[in-house]
Amino acid sequence: MSATVPDDGAGSARLAYRRWGDRSGPAIVLLHSLGESSTTWERVAAALAPCRSVYAFDLRGHGASPHMPQYSLELMRDDLLDALDELGLVDACLVGHSLGGMVAYLAAGQQSAAIGRLVLEEAPPPRRPTPAREVPEEPAADLPFDWDVVPAIYAQRNEPDPRWWDALASISIPTLVIAGGAKSHVDQQQLAEMADQFANGHLVTIDGGHGVHTDRPEAFVEAIAAFLGL
């Protein structure tokens, strides 16, 4: 399935998505990490579907969504907001892993009525990392995503817009930051500081490294269920 995103002349993408469940109440929307796709959420989505309708999107350049001439966090944010509007979602719980988490907090910062809660799994805070992340070499093998996404996102990860950090404080919806503990390459102290930056932020650490929802799916679902009161 896909959600139509109007062509505004800036290279908007038509995002593919998958859906589980058909329940009343606010939906749960899942966003994958760099180089992944909606398929990474299958176990989590199946566990949550009995309680809520669940959507998992492929970000531009990933999965079944189109490869585009331009990539940036802002373009991914706008793709998502247009898709949520197209689907008519209101007060959804937006769950983002890594890259998906960065897109999620930028989207939540737009104060959209489509987003009522926010879950950030190992989402790099909008602060300059030390040391800077080096862009890996492009693999020779065929990839299930557009490699051009990688240098574009690494550039913004290494030099985030300084306004993004301050904008987190304006996000008033309930926000859960899920940290992966000592095995993660993401600065755990910065994740704790990011949780404090939100007006209604909470931090939970699940020792699973960077991929909590794939390596500790039961604990991840339990944290989401508790956060949503399911």
C-alpha atoms as a PDB file:
ATOM      1  CA  MET A   1       0.000   0.000   0.000  1.00  0.00           C
ATOM      2  CA  SER A   2       1.066   3.583  -0.358  1.00  0.00           C
ATOM      3  CA  ALA A   3      -0.045   7.000   0.784  1.00  0.00           C
ATOM      4  CA  THR A   4      -0.196   9.674  -1.864  1.00  0.00           C
ATOM      5  CA  VAL A   5       2.061  12.642  -1.187  1.00  0.00           C
ATOM      6  CA  PRO A   6       1.332  15.583  -3.506  1.00  0.00           C
ATOM      7  CA  ASP A   7       4.167  16.741  -5.762  1.00  0.00           C
ATOM      8  CA  ASP A   8       4.947  20.227  -4.484  1.00  0.00           C
ATOM      9  CA  GLY A   9       7.875  20.760  -6.833  1.00  0.00           C
ATOM     10  CA  ALA A  10      10.418  19.993  -4.115  1.00  0.00           C
ATOM     11  CA  GLY A  11      10.672  16.291  -4.843  1.00  0.00           C
ATOM     12  CA  SER A  12       8.001  14.891  -2.514  1.00  0.00           C
ATOM     13  CA  ALA A  13       7.822  11.102  -2.282  1.00  0.00           C
ATOM     14  CA  ARG A  14       4.917   8.671  -2.426  1.00  0.00           C
ATOM     15  CA  LEU A  15       5.535   6.546   0.648  1.00  0.00           C
ATOM     16  CA  ALA A  16       4.815   2.835   0.759  1.00  0.00           C
ATOM     17  CA  TYR A  17       3.444   1.441   4.004  1.00  0.00           C
ATOM     18  CA  ARG A  18       2.183  -1.751   5.578  1.00  0.00           C
ATOM     19  CA  ARG A  19      -0.795  -2.049   7.900  1.00  0.00           C
ATOM     20  CA  TRP A  20      -1.781  -4.464  10.630  1.00  0.00           C
ATOM     21  CA  GLY A  21      -5.033  -4.605  12.609  1.00  0.00           C
ATOM     22  CA  ASP A  22      -8.227  -2.631  12.243  1.00  0.00           C
ATOM     23  CA  ARG A  23      -8.905  -1.265  15.685  1.00  0.00           C
ATOM     24  CA  SER A  24     -10.521   1.884  16.955  1.00  0.00           C
ATOM     25  CA  GLY A  25      -8.515   4.537  18.720  1.00  0.00           C
ATOM     26  CA  PRO A  26      -5.312   6.332  17.735  1.00  0.00           C
ATOM     27  CA  ALA A  27      -3.023   4.360  15.438  1.00  0.00           C
ATOM     28  CA  ILE A  28       0.594   3.418  16.008  1.00  0.00           C
ATOM     29  CA  VAL A  29       2.989   4.509  13.243  1.00  0.00           C
ATOM     30  CA  LEU A  30       6.420   2.869  12.941  1.00  0.00           C
ATOM     31  CA  LEU A  31       9.501   4.338  11.227  1.00  0.00           C
ATOM     32  CA  HIS A  32      12.602   2.277  10.478  1.00  0.00           C
ATOM     33  CA  SER A  33      16.315   3.081  10.678  1.00  0.00           C
ATOM     34  CA  LEU A  34      18.795   3.956   7.933  1.00  0.00           C
ATOM     35  CA  GLY A  35      19.068   1.213   5.314  1.00  0.00           C
ATOM     36  CA  GLU A  36      16.111  -0.758   6.705  1.00  0.00           C
ATOM     37  CA  SER A  37      12.428  -0.871   5.772  1.00  0.00           C
ATOM     38  CA  SER A  38       8.986  -1.503   7.231  1.00  0.00           C
ATOM     39  CA  THR A  39       9.753  -5.243   7.339  1.00  0.00           C
ATOM     40  CA  THR A  40      11.927  -4.741  10.412  1.00  0.00           C
ATOM     41  CA  TRP A  41       8.759  -4.050  12.433  1.00  0.00           C
ATOM     42  CA  GLU A  42       6.873  -7.297  11.698  1.00  0.00           C
ATOM     43  CA  ARG A  43       7.160  -8.847  15.175  1.00  0.00           C
ATOM     44  CA  VAL A  44       6.391  -5.610  16.996  1.00  0.00           C
ATOM     45  CA  ALA A  45       3.469  -4.776  14.698  1.00  0.00           C
ATOM     46  CA  ALA A  46       1.936  -8.227  15.081  1.00  0.00           C
ATOM     47  CA  ALA A  47       2.144  -7.928  18.872  1.00  0.00           C
ATOM     48  CA  LEU A  48       0.493  -4.475  18.915  1.00  0.00           C
ATOM     49  CA  ALA A  49      -2.145  -5.076  16.223  1.00  0.00           C
ATOM     50  CA  PRO A  50      -4.690  -6.717  18.580  1.00  0.00           C
ATOM     51  CA  CYS A  51      -4.839  -3.407  20.473  1.00  0.00           C
ATOM     52  CA  ARG A  52      -4.365  -0.713  17.810  1.00  0.00           C
ATOM     53  CA  SER A  53      -4.171  -0.250  14.071  1.00  0.00           C
ATOM     54  CA  VAL A  54      -0.489  -0.252  13.178  1.00  0.00           C
ATOM     55  CA  TYR A  55       1.198   1.361  10.174  1.00  0.00           C
ATOM     56  CA  ALA A  56       4.847   0.923   9.181  1.00  0.00           C
ATOM     57  CA  PHE A  57       6.217   3.270   6.521  1.00  0.00           C
ATOM     58  CA  ASP A  58       9.147   2.972   4.140  1.00  0.00           C
ATOM     59  CA  LEU A  59      10.978   6.304   4.171  1.00  0.00           C
ATOM     60  CA  ARG A  60      12.017   7.809   0.845  1.00  0.00           C
ATOM     61  CA  GLY A  61      14.774   5.794  -0.798  1.00  0.00           C
ATOM     62  CA  HIS A  62      13.969   2.708   1.296  1.00  0.00           C
ATOM     63  CA  GLY A  63      11.909  -0.422   0.791  1.00  0.00           C
ATOM     64  CA  ALA A  64       9.059   0.020  -1.663  1.00  0.00           C
ATOM     65  CA  SER A  65       9.161   3.826  -1.522  1.00  0.00           C
ATOM     66  CA  PRO A  66      10.790   5.561  -4.497  1.00  0.00           C
ATOM     67  CA  HIS A  67      14.404   6.562  -4.882  1.00  0.00           C
ATOM     68  CA  MET A  68      14.544  10.331  -5.089  1.00  0.00           C
ATOM     69  CA  PRO A  69      16.988  12.945  -6.409  1.00  0.00           C
ATOM     70  CA  GLN A  70      17.301  14.566  -2.962  1.00  0.00           C
ATOM     71  CA  TYR A  71      17.488  13.271   0.600  1.00  0.00           C
ATOM     72  CA  SER A  72      17.343  15.102   3.899  1.00  0.00           C
ATOM     73  CA  LEU A  73      15.714  14.753   7.289  1.00  0.00           C
ATOM     74  CA  GLU A  74      13.432  17.682   6.487  1.00  0.00           C
ATOM     75  CA  LEU A  75      12.220  16.059   3.256  1.00  0.00           C
ATOM     76  CA  MET A  76      11.570  12.794   5.088  1.00  0.00           C
ATOM     77  CA  ARG A  77       9.684  14.723   7.776  1.00  0.00           C
ATOM     78  CA  ASP A  78       7.503  16.421   5.191  1.00  0.00           C
ATOM     79  CA  ASP A  79       6.868  13.153   3.329  1.00  0.00           C
ATOM     80  CA  LEU A  80       5.647  11.637   6.577  1.00  0.00           C
ATOM     81  CA  LEU A  81       3.415  14.525   7.617  1.00  0.00           C
ATOM     82  CA  ASP A  82       1.764  14.587   4.186  1.00  0.00           C
ATOM     83  CA  ALA A  83       1.211  10.823   4.328  1.00  0.00           C
ATOM     84  CA  LEU A  84      -0.341  10.986   7.801  1.00  0.00           C
ATOM     85  CA  ASP A  85      -2.649  13.728   6.585  1.00  0.00           C
ATOM     86  CA  GLU A  86      -3.561  11.699   3.504  1.00  0.00           C
ATOM     87  CA  LEU A  87      -4.519   8.755   5.723  1.00  0.00           C
ATOM     88  CA  GLY A  88      -6.541  10.985   8.038  1.00  0.00           C
ATOM     89  CA  LEU A  89      -4.707   9.874  11.181  1.00  0.00           C
ATOM     90  CA  VAL A  90      -5.227  11.842  14.393  1.00  0.00           C
ATOM     91  CA  ASP A  91      -3.350  11.557  17.708  1.00  0.00           C
ATOM     92  CA  ALA A  92      -1.239   8.669  16.435  1.00  0.00           C
ATOM     93  CA  CYS A  93       1.663   7.329  18.461  1.00  0.00           C
ATOM     94  CA  LEU A  94       4.734   7.883  16.298  1.00  0.00           C
ATOM     95  CA  VAL A  95       7.514   5.356  16.955  1.00  0.00           C
ATOM     96  CA  GLY A  96      10.897   5.886  15.307  1.00  0.00           C
ATOM     97  CA  HIS A  97      14.096   3.858  15.426  1.00  0.00           C
ATOM     98  CA  SER A  98      17.416   5.648  14.855  1.00  0.00           C
ATOM     99  CA  LEU A  99      16.949   7.591  11.573  1.00  0.00           C
ATOM    100  CA  GLY A 100      13.208   7.052  11.961  1.00  0.00           C
ATOM    101  CA  GLY A 101      13.409   8.616  15.409  1.00  0.00           C
ATOM    102  CA  MET A 102      15.105  11.716  14.029  1.00  0.00           C
ATOM    103  CA  VAL A 103      12.356  12.035  11.422  1.00  0.00           C
ATOM    104  CA  ALA A 104       9.798  11.474  14.185  1.00  0.00           C
ATOM    105  CA  TYR A 105      10.977  14.247  16.498  1.00  0.00           C
ATOM    106  CA  LEU A 106      11.249  16.690  13.608  1.00  0.00           C
ATOM    107  CA  ALA A 107       7.691  15.793  12.591  1.00  0.00           C
ATOM    108  CA  ALA A 108       6.411  16.159  16.156  1.00  0.00           C
ATOM    109  CA  GLY A 109       8.027  19.579  16.297  1.00  0.00           C
ATOM    110  CA  GLN A 110       5.591  20.754  13.625  1.00  0.00           C
ATOM    111  CA  GLN A 111       2.749  20.410  16.148  1.00  0.00           C
ATOM    112  CA  SER A 112       0.676  18.260  13.816  1.00  0.00           C
ATOM    113  CA  ALA A 113      -2.708  17.031  15.077  1.00  0.00           C
ATOM    114  CA  ALA A 114      -1.820  13.682  13.499  1.00  0.00           C
ATOM    115  CA  ILE A 115       0.737  12.998  16.250  1.00  0.00           C
ATOM    116  CA  GLY A 116      -0.408  12.550  19.847  1.00  0.00           C
ATOM    117  CA  ARG A 117       2.480  10.596  21.362  1.00  0.00           C
ATOM    118  CA  LEU A 118       6.121  10.040  20.507  1.00  0.00           C
ATOM    119  CA  VAL A 119       8.461   7.076  21.055  1.00  0.00           C
ATOM    120  CA  LEU A 120      12.141   7.461  20.143  1.00  0.00           C
ATOM    121  CA  GLU A 121      14.168   4.250  20.064  1.00  0.00           C
ATOM    122  CA  GLU A 122      17.893   4.967  20.051  1.00  0.00           C
ATOM    123  CA  ALA A 123      17.278   8.151  18.042  1.00  0.00           C
ATOM    124  CA  PRO A 124      20.485  10.188  17.759  1.00  0.00           C
ATOM    125  CA  PRO A 125      19.913  13.518  19.517  1.00  0.00           C
ATOM    126  CA  PRO A 126      20.326  16.630  17.348  1.00  0.00           C
ATOM    127  CA  ARG A 127      23.771  17.333  18.713  1.00  0.00           C
ATOM    128  CA  ARG A 128      27.141  17.073  17.019  1.00  0.00           C
ATOM    129  CA  PRO A 129      28.627  13.629  17.790  1.00  0.00           C
ATOM    130  CA  THR A 130      32.191  13.309  19.070  1.00  0.00           C
ATOM    131  CA  PRO A 131      33.928  11.967  17.116  1.00  0.00           C
ATOM    132  CA  ALA A 132      32.031  12.628  13.917  1.00  0.00           C
ATOM    133  CA  ARG A 133      30.540   9.581  12.219  1.00  0.00           C
ATOM    134  CA  GLU A 134      32.550   8.572   9.157  1.00  0.00           C
ATOM    135  CA  VAL A 135      30.554   7.812   6.024  1.00  0.00           C
ATOM    136  CA  PRO A 136      31.146   4.141   5.157  1.00  0.00           C
ATOM    137  CA  GLU A 137      32.184   3.065   1.693  1.00  0.00           C
ATOM    138  CA  GLU A 138      29.406   1.979  -0.622  1.00  0.00           C
ATOM    139  CA  PRO A 139      29.199  -1.825  -0.763  1.00  0.00           C
ATOM    140  CA  ALA A 140      29.694  -3.518  -4.118  1.00  0.00           C
ATOM    141  CA  ALA A 141      26.608  -5.713  -3.630  1.00  0.00           C
ATOM    142  CA  ASP A 142      23.114  -4.630  -4.609  1.00  0.00           C
ATOM    143  CA  LEU A 143      21.311  -2.872  -1.770  1.00  0.00           C
ATOM    144  CA  PRO A 144      17.620  -2.785  -0.801  1.00  0.00           C
ATOM    145  CA  PHE A 145      17.800   1.008  -0.507  1.00  0.00           C
ATOM    146  CA  ASP A 146      19.321   3.993  -2.290  1.00  0.00           C
ATOM    147  CA  TRP A 147      22.926   4.487  -1.116  1.00  0.00           C
ATOM    148  CA  ASP A 148      22.652   8.231  -1.770  1.00  0.00           C
ATOM    149  CA  VAL A 149      20.616   8.421   1.443  1.00  0.00           C
ATOM    150  CA  VAL A 150      23.694   7.525   3.506  1.00  0.00           C
ATOM    151  CA  PRO A 151      26.020  10.511   2.857  1.00  0.00           C
ATOM    152  CA  ALA A 152      23.078  12.920   2.985  1.00  0.00           C
ATOM    153  CA  ILE A 153      21.923  11.733   6.415  1.00  0.00           C
ATOM    154  CA  TYR A 154      25.459  11.353   7.806  1.00  0.00           C
ATOM    155  CA  ALA A 155      26.136  14.981   6.904  1.00  0.00           C
ATOM    156  CA  GLN A 156      23.110  16.146   8.898  1.00  0.00           C
ATOM    157  CA  ARG A 157      23.867  13.734  11.723  1.00  0.00           C
ATOM    158  CA  ASN A 158      27.365  15.208  12.046  1.00  0.00           C
ATOM    159  CA  GLU A 159      26.238  18.833  11.680  1.00  0.00           C
ATOM    160  CA  PRO A 160      22.623  19.037  12.869  1.00  0.00           C
ATOM    161  CA  ASP A 161      20.728  22.281  12.620  1.00  0.00           C
ATOM    162  CA  PRO A 162      21.329  23.920  16.040  1.00  0.00           C
ATOM    163  CA  ARG A 163      17.667  24.953  16.149  1.00  0.00           C
ATOM    164  CA  TRP A 164      16.562  21.327  16.345  1.00  0.00           C
ATOM    165  CA  TRP A 165      17.771  20.823  19.909  1.00  0.00           C
ATOM    166  CA  ASP A 166      15.979  23.906  21.218  1.00  0.00           C
ATOM    167  CA  ALA A 167      12.831  22.905  19.313  1.00  0.00           C
ATOM    168  CA  LEU A 168      12.554  19.683  21.330  1.00  0.00           C
ATOM    169  CA  ALA A 169      11.431  21.726  24.350  1.00  0.00           C
ATOM    170  CA  SER A 170       8.378  22.906  22.406  1.00  0.00           C
ATOM    171  CA  ILE A 171       7.135  19.333  21.954  1.00  0.00           C
ATOM    172  CA  SER A 172       4.558  18.936  24.722  1.00  0.00           C
ATOM    173  CA  ILE A 173       3.044  15.559  23.806  1.00  0.00           C
ATOM    174  CA  PRO A 174       4.018  12.569  25.985  1.00  0.00           C
ATOM    175  CA  THR A 175       7.397  11.319  24.766  1.00  0.00           C
ATOM    176  CA  LEU A 176       9.205   8.094  25.581  1.00  0.00           C
ATOM    177  CA  VAL A 177      12.927   7.780  24.847  1.00  0.00           C
ATOM    178  CA  ILE A 178      14.099   4.167  24.696  1.00  0.00           C
ATOM    179  CA  ALA A 179      17.835   3.709  25.180  1.00  0.00           C
ATOM    180  CA  GLY A 180      19.724   0.524  24.352  1.00  0.00           C
ATOM    181  CA  GLY A 181      22.291   0.644  27.133  1.00  0.00           C
ATOM    182  CA  ALA A 182      26.036   0.020  27.085  1.00  0.00           C
ATOM    183  CA  LYS A 183      26.010  -2.075  23.901  1.00  0.00           C
ATOM    184  CA  SER A 184      24.739   0.852  21.832  1.00  0.00           C
ATOM    185  CA  HIS A 185      26.989   3.165  19.823  1.00  0.00           C
ATOM    186  CA  VAL A 186      24.649   6.090  20.578  1.00  0.00           C
ATOM    187  CA  ASP A 187      25.758   8.324  23.468  1.00  0.00           C
ATOM    188  CA  GLN A 188      23.489   7.199  26.322  1.00  0.00           C
ATOM    189  CA  GLN A 189      24.085  10.363  28.341  1.00  0.00           C
ATOM    190  CA  GLN A 190      22.902  12.439  25.404  1.00  0.00           C
ATOM    191  CA  LEU A 191      19.776  10.279  25.165  1.00  0.00           C
ATOM    192  CA  ALA A 192      19.051  10.990  28.833  1.00  0.00           C
ATOM    193  CA  GLU A 193      19.587  14.705  28.259  1.00  0.00           C
ATOM    194  CA  MET A 194      17.268  14.576  25.254  1.00  0.00           C
ATOM    195  CA  ALA A 195      14.541  12.929  27.335  1.00  0.00           C
ATOM    196  CA  ASP A 196      14.844  15.795  29.825  1.00  0.00           C
ATOM    197  CA  GLN A 197      14.624  18.341  27.020  1.00  0.00           C
ATOM    198  CA  PHE A 198      11.047  17.362  26.174  1.00  0.00           C
ATOM    199  CA  ALA A 199       8.281  19.022  28.170  1.00  0.00           C
ATOM    200  CA  ASN A 200       6.786  15.603  28.973  1.00  0.00           C
ATOM    201  CA  GLY A 201       9.688  13.235  28.338  1.00  0.00           C
ATOM    202  CA  HIS A 202      10.540   9.916  29.958  1.00  0.00           C
ATOM    203  CA  LEU A 203      13.553   7.617  29.572  1.00  0.00           C
ATOM    204  CA  VAL A 204      13.565   3.827  29.644  1.00  0.00           C
ATOM    205  CA  THR A 205      16.729   1.769  29.167  1.00  0.00           C
ATOM    206  CA  ILE A 206      16.417  -1.735  27.731  1.00  0.00           C
ATOM    207  CA  ASP A 207      19.779  -3.443  27.450  1.00  0.00           C
ATOM    208  CA  GLY A 208      19.667  -4.563  23.836  1.00  0.00           C
ATOM    209  CA  GLY A 209      22.088  -2.324  22.005  1.00  0.00           C
ATOM    210  CA  HIS A 210      21.027  -0.132  19.129  1.00  0.00           C
ATOM    211  CA  GLY A 211      18.343  -2.486  17.780  1.00  0.00           C
ATOM    212  CA  VAL A 212      16.140  -2.862  20.844  1.00  0.00           C
ATOM    213  CA  HIS A 213      12.944  -3.700  18.960  1.00  0.00           C
ATOM    214  CA  THR A 214      14.625  -6.504  16.999  1.00  0.00           C
ATOM    215  CA  ASP A 215      16.903  -7.909  19.728  1.00  0.00           C
ATOM    216  CA  ARG A 216      14.538  -7.440  22.687  1.00  0.00           C
ATOM    217  CA  PRO A 217      11.091  -7.337  21.022  1.00  0.00           C
ATOM    218  CA  GLU A 218       9.104  -8.535  24.043  1.00  0.00           C
ATOM    219  CA  ALA A 219      10.620  -5.912  26.330  1.00  0.00           C
ATOM    220  CA  PHE A 220      10.161  -3.267  23.643  1.00  0.00           C
ATOM    221  CA  VAL A 221       6.466  -4.088  23.210  1.00  0.00           C
ATOM    222  CA  GLU A 222       5.993  -4.076  26.977  1.00  0.00           C
ATOM    223  CA  ALA A 223       7.473  -0.579  27.170  1.00  0.00           C
ATOM    224  CA  ILE A 224       5.204   0.663  24.361  1.00  0.00           C
ATOM    225  CA  ALA A 225       2.136  -0.967  25.937  1.00  0.00           C
ATOM    226  CA  ALA A 226       2.861   0.592  29.328  1.00  0.00           C
ATOM    227  CA  PHE A 227       3.425   3.993  27.729  1.00  0.00           C
ATOM    228  CA  LEU A 228       0.084   3.762  25.893  1.00  0.00           C
ATOM    229  CA  GLY A 229      -1.803   2.186  28.788  1.00  0.00           C
ATOM    230  CA  LEU A 230      -2.716  -0.902  26.765  1.00  0.00           C
END
